[in-house]
Amino acid sequence: MQFASVRIITDDVERLIAFYEKMTGVSAQRPAPVFAEFVLPSCTLAIGHSQTVSLFGAGSARAADNRSVIIEFRVPDVDAEYARLAPLVGEWVQEPTTMPWGNRSALLRDPDGNLVNLFAPVTEDALKRFAERA
């Protein structure tokens, strides 16, 4: 089994595409007007319009209603990303902080309120843990 993607359901595909293009520096692939993908080296972030939910079953997902999943991006320098993204981000949940498990993290909310973690391993143990995943 391979982990393929995370999909965000939204009422405003264009707004989320613009946000994630600026955040990631990757252009969205648009196979359909109601669907986009950001194909990154490690995973794909998909964005689907709420109109697509009926294809999976009515009411199976709701736009802008996530309060249990954190979308995480590993970055080279959390503090630099925090400074770069400051004008783009409407809500920072946590400024750059070194976590007890050895990652430096900054958490923000995307335009739909989804929680996004930008992190980098910084301690020796965390660096080793991620080196083993390469």
N, C-alpha and C. Protein backbone atom coordinates (compact mmCIF):
# COMPACT_ATOMS: atom_id res chain seq x y z
N MET A 1 0.85 -1.18 0.00
CA MET A 1 0.00 0.00 0.00
C MET A 1 0.89 1.24 0.00
N GLN A 2 0.53 2.23 -0.78
CA GLN A 2 1.25 3.49 -0.81
C GLN A 2 0.31 4.62 -0.40
N PHE A 3 0.81 5.48 0.46
CA PHE A 3 0.06 6.68 0.80
C PHE A 3 0.12 7.60 -0.41
N ALA A 4 -1.02 8.02 -0.93
CA ALA A 4 -1.05 8.77 -2.18
C ALA A 4 -1.27 10.27 -2.00
N SER A 5 -2.25 10.64 -1.18
CA SER A 5 -2.55 12.07 -1.07
C SER A 5 -3.45 12.36 0.12
N VAL A 6 -3.55 13.65 0.39
CA VAL A 6 -4.55 14.20 1.31
C VAL A 6 -5.39 15.14 0.47
N ARG A 7 -6.70 15.06 0.61
CA ARG A 7 -7.59 15.92 -0.16
C ARG A 7 -8.35 16.85 0.77
N ILE A 8 -8.36 18.11 0.43
CA ILE A 8 -9.13 19.11 1.15
C ILE A 8 -10.37 19.40 0.32
N ILE A 9 -11.52 19.36 0.95
CA ILE A 9 -12.78 19.74 0.30
C ILE A 9 -13.06 21.20 0.66
N THR A 10 -13.38 21.99 -0.35
CA THR A 10 -13.58 23.42 -0.15
C THR A 10 -14.74 23.93 -1.01
N ASP A 11 -15.31 25.05 -0.59
CA ASP A 11 -16.30 25.74 -1.41
C ASP A 11 -15.64 26.72 -2.36
N ASP A 12 -14.33 26.98 -2.16
CA ASP A 12 -13.62 27.96 -2.98
C ASP A 12 -12.27 27.39 -3.43
N VAL A 13 -12.32 26.60 -4.49
CA VAL A 13 -11.12 25.95 -5.02
C VAL A 13 -10.06 26.98 -5.41
N GLU A 14 -10.47 28.04 -6.08
CA GLU A 14 -9.50 29.03 -6.56
C GLU A 14 -8.74 29.68 -5.42
N ARG A 15 -9.43 29.99 -4.33
CA ARG A 15 -8.78 30.63 -3.18
C ARG A 15 -7.74 29.71 -2.56
N LEU A 16 -8.08 28.42 -2.38
CA LEU A 16 -7.12 27.49 -1.79
C LEU A 16 -5.96 27.21 -2.74
N ILE A 17 -6.24 27.12 -4.02
CA ILE A 17 -5.15 26.93 -4.98
C ILE A 17 -4.17 28.10 -4.90
N ALA A 18 -4.68 29.31 -4.89
CA ALA A 18 -3.80 30.48 -4.82
C ALA A 18 -2.97 30.45 -3.55
N PHE A 19 -3.58 30.09 -2.42
CA PHE A 19 -2.87 30.04 -1.15
C PHE A 19 -1.75 28.99 -1.19
N TYR A 20 -2.09 27.77 -1.59
CA TYR A 20 -1.09 26.69 -1.56
C TYR A 20 -0.03 26.86 -2.65
N GLU A 21 -0.35 27.51 -3.76
CA GLU A 21 0.69 27.81 -4.74
C GLU A 21 1.71 28.77 -4.16
N LYS A 22 1.24 29.79 -3.46
CA LYS A 22 2.16 30.75 -2.83
C LYS A 22 2.94 30.09 -1.70
N MET A 23 2.26 29.27 -0.90
CA MET A 23 2.92 28.64 0.24
C MET A 23 3.98 27.64 -0.20
N THR A 24 3.63 26.77 -1.15
CA THR A 24 4.54 25.68 -1.54
C THR A 24 5.51 26.06 -2.66
N GLY A 25 5.15 27.06 -3.45
CA GLY A 25 5.96 27.39 -4.61
C GLY A 25 5.75 26.42 -5.77
N VAL A 26 4.72 25.58 -5.67
CA VAL A 26 4.40 24.58 -6.69
C VAL A 26 3.10 24.99 -7.38
N SER A 27 3.08 24.87 -8.70
CA SER A 27 1.85 25.16 -9.45
C SER A 27 0.90 23.98 -9.37
N ALA A 28 -0.36 24.27 -9.20
CA ALA A 28 -1.38 23.22 -9.14
C ALA A 28 -1.59 22.61 -10.52
N GLN A 29 -1.79 21.31 -10.53
CA GLN A 29 -2.23 20.62 -11.74
C GLN A 29 -3.75 20.59 -11.70
N ARG A 30 -4.41 20.89 -12.81
CA ARG A 30 -5.86 21.06 -12.85
C ARG A 30 -6.50 20.08 -13.83
N PRO A 31 -6.71 18.82 -13.46
CA PRO A 31 -7.35 17.88 -14.37
C PRO A 31 -8.84 18.18 -14.61
N ALA A 32 -9.45 18.97 -13.72
CA ALA A 32 -10.86 19.35 -13.87
C ALA A 32 -11.06 20.67 -13.14
N PRO A 33 -12.05 21.47 -13.54
CA PRO A 33 -12.28 22.75 -12.85
C PRO A 33 -12.57 22.60 -11.36
N VAL A 34 -13.10 21.46 -10.94
CA VAL A 34 -13.48 21.27 -9.53
C VAL A 34 -12.41 20.51 -8.75
N PHE A 35 -11.22 20.33 -9.34
CA PHE A 35 -10.20 19.50 -8.70
C PHE A 35 -8.80 19.98 -9.08
N ALA A 36 -7.91 19.97 -8.11
CA ALA A 36 -6.51 20.34 -8.35
C ALA A 36 -5.61 19.48 -7.49
N GLU A 37 -4.37 19.34 -7.93
CA GLU A 37 -3.37 18.59 -7.17
C GLU A 37 -2.06 19.35 -7.13
N PHE A 38 -1.43 19.31 -5.96
CA PHE A 38 -0.07 19.80 -5.79
C PHE A 38 0.80 18.56 -5.61
N VAL A 39 1.53 18.22 -6.65
CA VAL A 39 2.35 17.03 -6.62
C VAL A 39 3.73 17.43 -6.08
N LEU A 40 4.00 16.99 -4.86
CA LEU A 40 5.26 17.29 -4.18
C LEU A 40 6.11 16.01 -4.16
N PRO A 41 7.39 16.12 -3.92
CA PRO A 41 8.23 14.92 -3.92
C PRO A 41 7.77 13.82 -2.96
N SER A 42 7.20 14.19 -1.84
CA SER A 42 6.87 13.19 -0.83
C SER A 42 5.40 12.79 -0.79
N CYS A 43 4.53 13.60 -1.37
CA CYS A 43 3.09 13.33 -1.29
C CYS A 43 2.36 14.30 -2.22
N THR A 44 1.09 14.09 -2.36
CA THR A 44 0.25 14.99 -3.16
C THR A 44 -0.82 15.59 -2.27
N LEU A 45 -1.00 16.89 -2.38
CA LEU A 45 -2.09 17.58 -1.71
C LEU A 45 -3.13 17.86 -2.77
N ALA A 46 -4.31 17.31 -2.60
CA ALA A 46 -5.41 17.49 -3.56
C ALA A 46 -6.43 18.46 -2.97
N ILE A 47 -7.07 19.19 -3.86
CA ILE A 47 -8.14 20.10 -3.46
C ILE A 47 -9.34 19.81 -4.35
N GLY A 48 -10.47 19.51 -3.72
CA GLY A 48 -11.68 19.23 -4.46
C GLY A 48 -12.80 20.17 -4.03
N HIS A 49 -13.59 20.59 -4.97
CA HIS A 49 -14.74 21.44 -4.66
C HIS A 49 -15.79 20.62 -3.91
N SER A 50 -16.55 21.27 -3.08
CA SER A 50 -17.60 20.58 -2.33
C SER A 50 -18.62 19.91 -3.25
N GLN A 51 -18.72 20.36 -4.50
CA GLN A 51 -19.60 19.72 -5.47
C GLN A 51 -19.21 18.27 -5.72
N THR A 52 -17.94 17.93 -5.49
CA THR A 52 -17.46 16.56 -5.76
C THR A 52 -17.85 15.59 -4.66
N VAL A 53 -18.27 16.08 -3.53
CA VAL A 53 -18.59 15.21 -2.39
C VAL A 53 -19.69 14.21 -2.74
N SER A 54 -20.65 14.61 -3.53
CA SER A 54 -21.75 13.70 -3.88
C SER A 54 -21.25 12.46 -4.62
N LEU A 55 -20.08 12.54 -5.25
CA LEU A 55 -19.50 11.38 -5.93
C LEU A 55 -19.08 10.30 -4.93
N PHE A 56 -18.80 10.70 -3.69
CA PHE A 56 -18.37 9.77 -2.64
C PHE A 56 -19.52 9.35 -1.74
N GLY A 57 -20.59 10.08 -1.77
CA GLY A 57 -21.73 9.84 -0.91
C GLY A 57 -22.14 11.14 -0.25
N ALA A 58 -23.37 11.49 -0.37
CA ALA A 58 -23.87 12.76 0.17
C ALA A 58 -23.50 12.91 1.63
N GLY A 59 -22.95 14.07 1.96
CA GLY A 59 -22.61 14.36 3.35
C GLY A 59 -21.35 13.68 3.85
N SER A 60 -20.58 13.02 2.99
CA SER A 60 -19.39 12.30 3.45
C SER A 60 -18.25 13.24 3.86
N ALA A 61 -18.27 14.46 3.39
CA ALA A 61 -17.28 15.47 3.79
C ALA A 61 -17.93 16.84 3.75
N ARG A 62 -17.41 17.75 4.56
CA ARG A 62 -17.93 19.12 4.60
C ARG A 62 -16.78 20.10 4.47
N ALA A 63 -16.93 21.07 3.63
CA ALA A 63 -15.91 22.09 3.42
C ALA A 63 -15.69 22.91 4.67
N ALA A 64 -14.44 23.30 4.89
CA ALA A 64 -14.05 24.20 5.99
C ALA A 64 -14.55 23.73 7.35
N ASP A 65 -14.49 22.41 7.59
CA ASP A 65 -15.01 21.87 8.84
C ASP A 65 -14.01 20.95 9.55
N ASN A 66 -12.73 21.03 9.20
CA ASN A 66 -11.72 20.15 9.75
C ASN A 66 -11.20 20.68 11.09
N ARG A 67 -11.28 19.88 12.10
CA ARG A 67 -10.70 20.22 13.40
C ARG A 67 -9.96 19.04 14.00
N SER A 68 -9.58 18.06 13.14
CA SER A 68 -8.89 16.90 13.69
C SER A 68 -7.63 16.50 12.92
N VAL A 69 -7.40 17.05 11.75
CA VAL A 69 -6.26 16.68 10.93
C VAL A 69 -5.33 17.88 10.81
N ILE A 70 -4.02 17.61 10.90
CA ILE A 70 -3.02 18.64 10.67
C ILE A 70 -2.27 18.27 9.40
N ILE A 71 -2.23 19.18 8.45
CA ILE A 71 -1.48 18.99 7.21
C ILE A 71 -0.06 19.46 7.49
N GLU A 72 0.92 18.59 7.28
CA GLU A 72 2.28 18.92 7.68
C GLU A 72 3.23 18.97 6.48
N PHE A 73 4.05 20.00 6.46
CA PHE A 73 5.07 20.19 5.45
C PHE A 73 6.42 20.31 6.14
N ARG A 74 7.35 19.46 5.75
CA ARG A 74 8.73 19.56 6.26
C ARG A 74 9.43 20.63 5.43
N VAL A 75 10.04 21.58 6.08
CA VAL A 75 10.72 22.69 5.42
C VAL A 75 12.16 22.77 5.93
N PRO A 76 13.05 23.38 5.17
CA PRO A 76 14.44 23.48 5.62
C PRO A 76 14.63 24.40 6.82
N ASP A 77 13.84 25.50 6.88
CA ASP A 77 14.03 26.50 7.93
C ASP A 77 12.66 27.08 8.32
N VAL A 78 12.16 26.67 9.46
CA VAL A 78 10.83 27.10 9.91
C VAL A 78 10.78 28.62 10.10
N ASP A 79 11.80 29.19 10.70
CA ASP A 79 11.79 30.63 10.97
C ASP A 79 11.78 31.43 9.66
N ALA A 80 12.52 30.97 8.66
CA ALA A 80 12.53 31.66 7.37
C ALA A 80 11.17 31.55 6.69
N GLU A 81 10.52 30.38 6.78
CA GLU A 81 9.19 30.22 6.20
C GLU A 81 8.17 31.08 6.92
N TYR A 82 8.29 31.16 8.23
CA TYR A 82 7.40 32.01 9.02
C TYR A 82 7.50 33.46 8.54
N ALA A 83 8.71 33.94 8.35
CA ALA A 83 8.91 35.32 7.88
C ALA A 83 8.39 35.49 6.45
N ARG A 84 8.66 34.52 5.58
CA ARG A 84 8.23 34.61 4.18
C ARG A 84 6.71 34.61 4.04
N LEU A 85 6.05 33.79 4.86
CA LEU A 85 4.60 33.62 4.74
C LEU A 85 3.78 34.59 5.58
N ALA A 86 4.43 35.37 6.41
CA ALA A 86 3.70 36.29 7.29
C ALA A 86 2.66 37.14 6.55
N PRO A 87 2.97 37.70 5.37
CA PRO A 87 1.96 38.51 4.68
C PRO A 87 0.80 37.69 4.11
N LEU A 88 1.00 36.40 3.91
CA LEU A 88 -0.01 35.53 3.29
C LEU A 88 -0.97 34.92 4.30
N VAL A 89 -0.48 34.68 5.50
CA VAL A 89 -1.23 33.92 6.50
C VAL A 89 -2.10 34.85 7.34
N GLY A 90 -3.38 34.50 7.40
CA GLY A 90 -4.31 35.29 8.20
C GLY A 90 -4.28 34.94 9.68
N GLU A 91 -3.98 33.68 10.00
CA GLU A 91 -3.98 33.25 11.40
C GLU A 91 -2.82 32.29 11.67
N TRP A 92 -1.93 32.72 12.54
CA TRP A 92 -0.88 31.84 13.05
C TRP A 92 -1.38 31.26 14.36
N VAL A 93 -1.41 29.97 14.46
CA VAL A 93 -1.83 29.29 15.68
C VAL A 93 -0.67 29.20 16.66
N GLN A 94 0.53 29.02 16.10
CA GLN A 94 1.74 28.93 16.93
C GLN A 94 2.91 29.50 16.15
N GLU A 95 3.61 30.44 16.76
CA GLU A 95 4.84 30.96 16.17
C GLU A 95 5.92 29.89 16.26
N PRO A 96 7.03 30.03 15.56
CA PRO A 96 8.07 29.00 15.60
C PRO A 96 8.46 28.62 17.03
N THR A 97 8.37 27.32 17.29
CA THR A 97 8.60 26.75 18.62
C THR A 97 9.28 25.40 18.45
N THR A 98 10.24 25.10 19.31
CA THR A 98 10.85 23.77 19.29
C THR A 98 10.03 22.86 20.19
N MET A 99 9.55 21.78 19.60
CA MET A 99 8.66 20.85 20.30
C MET A 99 9.48 19.82 21.10
N PRO A 100 8.84 19.19 22.09
CA PRO A 100 9.57 18.21 22.93
C PRO A 100 10.13 17.03 22.15
N TRP A 101 9.59 16.71 20.97
CA TRP A 101 10.08 15.58 20.18
C TRP A 101 11.17 15.98 19.19
N GLY A 102 11.61 17.26 19.25
CA GLY A 102 12.78 17.67 18.50
C GLY A 102 12.54 18.39 17.20
N ASN A 103 11.29 18.67 16.86
CA ASN A 103 10.99 19.43 15.64
C ASN A 103 10.74 20.88 15.99
N ARG A 104 11.19 21.77 15.14
CA ARG A 104 10.81 23.18 15.24
C ARG A 104 9.58 23.32 14.36
N SER A 105 8.53 23.92 14.89
CA SER A 105 7.24 23.98 14.21
C SER A 105 6.64 25.38 14.26
N ALA A 106 5.90 25.70 13.22
CA ALA A 106 5.03 26.88 13.20
C ALA A 106 3.71 26.41 12.61
N LEU A 107 2.62 26.72 13.29
CA LEU A 107 1.30 26.27 12.83
C LEU A 107 0.45 27.45 12.40
N LEU A 108 -0.23 27.25 11.29
CA LEU A 108 -1.09 28.29 10.72
C LEU A 108 -2.40 27.68 10.28
N ARG A 109 -3.35 28.52 9.97
CA ARG A 109 -4.61 28.06 9.37
C ARG A 109 -4.65 28.55 7.93
N ASP A 110 -5.03 27.65 7.03
CA ASP A 110 -5.21 28.06 5.64
C ASP A 110 -6.52 28.84 5.53
N PRO A 111 -6.86 29.37 4.36
CA PRO A 111 -8.08 30.19 4.24
C PRO A 111 -9.37 29.49 4.63
N ASP A 112 -9.41 28.15 4.60
CA ASP A 112 -10.60 27.40 5.03
C ASP A 112 -10.53 27.01 6.51
N GLY A 113 -9.47 27.37 7.20
CA GLY A 113 -9.34 27.04 8.61
C GLY A 113 -8.63 25.73 8.89
N ASN A 114 -8.13 25.05 7.86
CA ASN A 114 -7.39 23.81 8.08
C ASN A 114 -6.06 24.12 8.75
N LEU A 115 -5.68 23.30 9.70
CA LEU A 115 -4.43 23.50 10.43
C LEU A 115 -3.26 22.96 9.62
N VAL A 116 -2.24 23.80 9.46
CA VAL A 116 -1.06 23.45 8.68
C VAL A 116 0.16 23.62 9.58
N ASN A 117 1.01 22.60 9.62
CA ASN A 117 2.24 22.64 10.40
C ASN A 117 3.43 22.70 9.46
N LEU A 118 4.26 23.70 9.63
CA LEU A 118 5.54 23.78 8.94
C LEU A 118 6.57 23.35 9.96
N PHE A 119 7.36 22.32 9.66
CA PHE A 119 8.29 21.83 10.67
C PHE A 119 9.62 21.43 10.06
N ALA A 120 10.62 21.41 10.93
CA ALA A 120 11.96 20.93 10.57
C ALA A 120 12.53 20.22 11.79
N PRO A 121 13.09 19.03 11.61
CA PRO A 121 13.77 18.38 12.72
C PRO A 121 15.03 19.18 13.05
N VAL A 122 15.24 19.42 14.34
CA VAL A 122 16.40 20.23 14.74
C VAL A 122 17.29 19.58 15.77
N THR A 123 16.76 18.68 16.58
CA THR A 123 17.62 18.02 17.56
C THR A 123 18.30 16.81 16.92
N GLU A 124 19.33 16.33 17.56
CA GLU A 124 20.05 15.16 17.04
C GLU A 124 19.13 13.96 16.85
N ASP A 125 18.29 13.68 17.86
CA ASP A 125 17.37 12.54 17.75
C ASP A 125 16.37 12.72 16.60
N ALA A 126 15.83 13.93 16.46
CA ALA A 126 14.86 14.18 15.39
C ALA A 126 15.53 14.08 14.02
N LEU A 127 16.71 14.63 13.89
CA LEU A 127 17.44 14.54 12.61
C LEU A 127 17.70 13.07 12.26
N LYS A 128 18.08 12.28 13.24
CA LYS A 128 18.33 10.85 13.01
C LYS A 128 17.04 10.14 12.59
N ARG A 129 15.94 10.43 13.28
CA ARG A 129 14.66 9.81 12.98
C ARG A 129 14.26 10.07 11.53
N PHE A 130 14.42 11.31 11.07
CA PHE A 130 14.03 11.63 9.69
C PHE A 130 15.03 11.12 8.68
N ALA A 131 16.30 11.04 9.04
CA ALA A 131 17.31 10.48 8.12
C ALA A 131 17.01 9.02 7.83
N GLU A 132 16.45 8.32 8.81
CA GLU A 132 16.11 6.91 8.63
C GLU A 132 14.91 6.71 7.70
N ARG A 133 14.15 7.75 7.45
CA ARG A 133 12.96 7.67 6.60
C ARG A 133 13.27 7.97 5.13
N ALA A 134 14.44 8.46 4.87
CA ALA A 134 14.79 8.89 3.49
C ALA A 134 14.82 7.75 2.51
